[in-house]
Amino acid sequence: MPAKSKKYIWAYIISTLFVIIVGCILFSLINTTREPAQIEVEKNQSAVDKGYKYLVKEVGGKINVFETGKNQPIEILDKPTNILPEYDQKLLKEGIYLENIEQLDRLLEDYDD
């Protein structure tokens, strides 16, 4: 194999490794800087069966609070969702289920500064 081809192969390997390492570092940084309001929920069971009492969800660009299973919000925050971090916007589009009023209060404090 000519020396020139070996140089290209090594350059490709090194650049690929560099991209992988940088990607891993960025992924790690993104995962460690998530907002405290981010709550993960299993979506395989219904919210009522799991004991969730509240649902916080983006509706019409605003944060709406619902009692689980109800269609009318019990509270609508004035803060627009488009100014929130992208991850929180995604969570609010999907809906954040909460078990009790304490969790709801903490979450609303995070969003209502």
C-alpha atoms as a PDB file:
ATOM      1  CA  MET A   1       0.000   0.000   0.000  1.00  0.00           C
ATOM      2  CA  PRO A   2       1.464   3.394  -0.938  1.00  0.00           C
ATOM      3  CA  ALA A   3       2.562   5.728   1.865  1.00  0.00           C
ATOM      4  CA  LYS A   4       0.087   8.367   0.701  1.00  0.00           C
ATOM      5  CA  SER A   5      -2.861   5.970   1.193  1.00  0.00           C
ATOM      6  CA  LYS A   6      -1.660   5.120   4.713  1.00  0.00           C
ATOM      7  CA  LYS A   7      -1.615   8.831   5.583  1.00  0.00           C
ATOM      8  CA  TYR A   8      -5.234   9.203   4.457  1.00  0.00           C
ATOM      9  CA  ILE A   9      -6.310   6.140   6.431  1.00  0.00           C
ATOM     10  CA  TRP A  10      -4.625   7.424   9.591  1.00  0.00           C
ATOM     11  CA  ALA A  11      -6.082  10.897   9.074  1.00  0.00           C
ATOM     12  CA  TYR A  12      -9.544   9.331   8.703  1.00  0.00           C
ATOM     13  CA  ILE A  13      -9.121   7.211  11.849  1.00  0.00           C
ATOM     14  CA  ILE A  14      -7.861  10.139  13.920  1.00  0.00           C
ATOM     15  CA  SER A  15     -10.580  12.497  12.728  1.00  0.00           C
ATOM     16  CA  THR A  16     -13.260   9.846  13.398  1.00  0.00           C
ATOM     17  CA  LEU A  17     -11.976   9.296  16.924  1.00  0.00           C
ATOM     18  CA  PHE A  18     -11.904  13.049  17.502  1.00  0.00           C
ATOM     19  CA  VAL A  19     -15.541  13.399  16.416  1.00  0.00           C
ATOM     20  CA  ILE A  20     -16.595  10.497  18.653  1.00  0.00           C
ATOM     21  CA  ILE A  21     -14.788  11.914  21.689  1.00  0.00           C
ATOM     22  CA  VAL A  22     -16.183  15.426  21.178  1.00  0.00           C
ATOM     23  CA  GLY A  23     -19.681  13.954  20.711  1.00  0.00           C
ATOM     24  CA  CYS A  24     -19.405  11.985  23.960  1.00  0.00           C
ATOM     25  CA  ILE A  25     -18.229  15.069  25.857  1.00  0.00           C
ATOM     26  CA  LEU A  26     -21.069  17.208  24.495  1.00  0.00           C
ATOM     27  CA  PHE A  27     -23.648  14.509  25.259  1.00  0.00           C
ATOM     28  CA  SER A  28     -22.314  14.257  28.800  1.00  0.00           C
ATOM     29  CA  LEU A  29     -22.513  18.024  29.285  1.00  0.00           C
ATOM     30  CA  ILE A  30     -26.061  18.188  27.968  1.00  0.00           C
ATOM     31  CA  ASN A  31     -27.222  15.411  30.291  1.00  0.00           C
ATOM     32  CA  THR A  32     -25.679  17.002  33.387  1.00  0.00           C
ATOM     33  CA  THR A  33     -27.109  20.493  32.794  1.00  0.00           C
ATOM     34  CA  ARG A  34     -30.800  19.622  32.696  1.00  0.00           C
ATOM     35  CA  GLU A  35     -33.200  21.864  34.565  1.00  0.00           C
ATOM     36  CA  PRO A  36     -34.519  20.681  37.969  1.00  0.00           C
ATOM     37  CA  ALA A  37     -38.070  20.783  36.630  1.00  0.00           C
ATOM     38  CA  GLN A  38     -37.427  17.852  34.341  1.00  0.00           C
ATOM     39  CA  ILE A  39     -39.443  14.853  35.444  1.00  0.00           C
ATOM     40  CA  GLU A  40     -39.327  11.543  33.640  1.00  0.00           C
ATOM     41  CA  VAL A  41     -42.565   9.533  33.454  1.00  0.00           C
ATOM     42  CA  GLU A  42     -43.183   6.009  32.263  1.00  0.00           C
ATOM     43  CA  LYS A  43     -45.819   6.213  29.569  1.00  0.00           C
ATOM     44  CA  ASN A  44     -46.896   2.584  29.365  1.00  0.00           C
ATOM     45  CA  GLN A  45     -49.585   2.814  32.059  1.00  0.00           C
ATOM     46  CA  SER A  46     -52.324   5.353  32.388  1.00  0.00           C
ATOM     47  CA  ALA A  47     -51.636   8.310  34.649  1.00  0.00           C
ATOM     48  CA  VAL A  48     -54.663   7.655  36.803  1.00  0.00           C
ATOM     49  CA  ASP A  49     -53.642   4.028  37.414  1.00  0.00           C
ATOM     50  CA  LYS A  50     -50.207   5.205  38.505  1.00  0.00           C
ATOM     51  CA  GLY A  51     -51.696   7.616  41.039  1.00  0.00           C
ATOM     52  CA  TYR A  52     -50.863  10.898  39.311  1.00  0.00           C
ATOM     53  CA  LYS A  53     -53.131  13.732  40.404  1.00  0.00           C
ATOM     54  CA  TYR A  54     -51.895  16.571  38.172  1.00  0.00           C
ATOM     55  CA  LEU A  55     -50.809  17.105  34.596  1.00  0.00           C
ATOM     56  CA  VAL A  56     -48.764  20.150  33.569  1.00  0.00           C
ATOM     57  CA  LYS A  57     -48.841  20.667  29.810  1.00  0.00           C
ATOM     58  CA  GLU A  58     -48.259  23.316  27.171  1.00  0.00           C
ATOM     59  CA  VAL A  59     -51.478  24.443  25.526  1.00  0.00           C
ATOM     60  CA  GLY A  60     -51.563  27.406  23.172  1.00  0.00           C
ATOM     61  CA  GLY A  61     -48.048  28.464  24.106  1.00  0.00           C
ATOM     62  CA  LYS A  62     -48.847  28.691  27.842  1.00  0.00           C
ATOM     63  CA  ILE A  63     -48.296  26.337  30.785  1.00  0.00           C
ATOM     64  CA  ASN A  64     -51.591  24.751  31.817  1.00  0.00           C
ATOM     65  CA  VAL A  65     -52.246  22.751  34.985  1.00  0.00           C
ATOM     66  CA  PHE A  66     -54.903  20.029  34.868  1.00  0.00           C
ATOM     67  CA  GLU A  67     -56.238  17.561  37.364  1.00  0.00           C
ATOM     68  CA  THR A  68     -55.498  14.170  35.820  1.00  0.00           C
ATOM     69  CA  GLY A  69     -58.389  13.002  33.675  1.00  0.00           C
ATOM     70  CA  LYS A  70     -60.021  16.450  33.443  1.00  0.00           C
ATOM     71  CA  ASN A  71     -60.203  18.569  30.293  1.00  0.00           C
ATOM     72  CA  GLN A  72     -60.388  22.049  31.856  1.00  0.00           C
ATOM     73  CA  PRO A  73     -57.187  23.531  33.332  1.00  0.00           C
ATOM     74  CA  ILE A  74     -57.258  24.523  36.987  1.00  0.00           C
ATOM     75  CA  GLU A  75     -54.497  27.084  36.381  1.00  0.00           C
ATOM     76  CA  ILE A  76     -52.828  28.762  33.407  1.00  0.00           C
ATOM     77  CA  LEU A  77     -49.457  30.464  33.880  1.00  0.00           C
ATOM     78  CA  ASP A  78     -48.832  33.705  31.999  1.00  0.00           C
ATOM     79  CA  LYS A  79     -45.259  32.725  31.126  1.00  0.00           C
ATOM     80  CA  PRO A  80     -44.934  31.690  27.459  1.00  0.00           C
ATOM     81  CA  THR A  81     -43.338  28.296  26.915  1.00  0.00           C
ATOM     82  CA  ASN A  82     -41.164  29.434  24.001  1.00  0.00           C
ATOM     83  CA  ILE A  83     -38.786  31.222  26.415  1.00  0.00           C
ATOM     84  CA  LEU A  84     -38.092  28.030  28.370  1.00  0.00           C
ATOM     85  CA  PRO A  85     -35.150  25.707  27.673  1.00  0.00           C
ATOM     86  CA  GLU A  86     -35.767  23.359  24.749  1.00  0.00           C
ATOM     87  CA  TYR A  87     -35.858  20.264  26.969  1.00  0.00           C
ATOM     88  CA  ASP A  88     -38.557  21.776  29.198  1.00  0.00           C
ATOM     89  CA  GLN A  89     -40.559  22.751  26.120  1.00  0.00           C
ATOM     90  CA  LYS A  90     -40.417  19.131  24.964  1.00  0.00           C
ATOM     91  CA  LEU A  91     -41.515  17.846  28.381  1.00  0.00           C
ATOM     92  CA  LEU A  92     -44.412  20.292  28.496  1.00  0.00           C
ATOM     93  CA  LYS A  93     -45.573  19.307  25.016  1.00  0.00           C
ATOM     94  CA  GLU A  94     -45.668  15.658  26.134  1.00  0.00           C
ATOM     95  CA  GLY A  95     -47.092  16.517  29.565  1.00  0.00           C
ATOM     96  CA  ILE A  96     -45.590  16.201  33.029  1.00  0.00           C
ATOM     97  CA  TYR A  97     -47.562  14.042  35.476  1.00  0.00           C
ATOM     98  CA  LEU A  98     -47.259  14.727  39.203  1.00  0.00           C
ATOM     99  CA  GLU A  99     -48.340  12.696  42.219  1.00  0.00           C
ATOM    100  CA  ASN A 100     -49.151  15.453  44.700  1.00  0.00           C
ATOM    101  CA  ILE A 101     -49.530  19.166  45.376  1.00  0.00           C
ATOM    102  CA  GLU A 102     -45.965  19.451  46.711  1.00  0.00           C
ATOM    103  CA  GLN A 103     -44.510  18.259  43.400  1.00  0.00           C
ATOM    104  CA  LEU A 104     -46.843  20.617  41.559  1.00  0.00           C
ATOM    105  CA  ASP A 105     -45.789  23.577  43.711  1.00  0.00           C
ATOM    106  CA  ARG A 106     -42.079  22.834  43.135  1.00  0.00           C
ATOM    107  CA  LEU A 107     -42.562  22.523  39.396  1.00  0.00           C
ATOM    108  CA  LEU A 108     -44.581  25.734  39.141  1.00  0.00           C
ATOM    109  CA  GLU A 109     -41.952  27.600  41.172  1.00  0.00           C
ATOM    110  CA  ASP A 110     -39.358  26.493  38.612  1.00  0.00           C
ATOM    111  CA  TYR A 111     -41.439  27.827  35.744  1.00  0.00           C
ATOM    112  CA  ASP A 112     -42.960  30.903  37.363  1.00  0.00           C
ATOM    113  CA  ASP A 113     -39.998  33.194  38.159  1.00  0.00           C
END
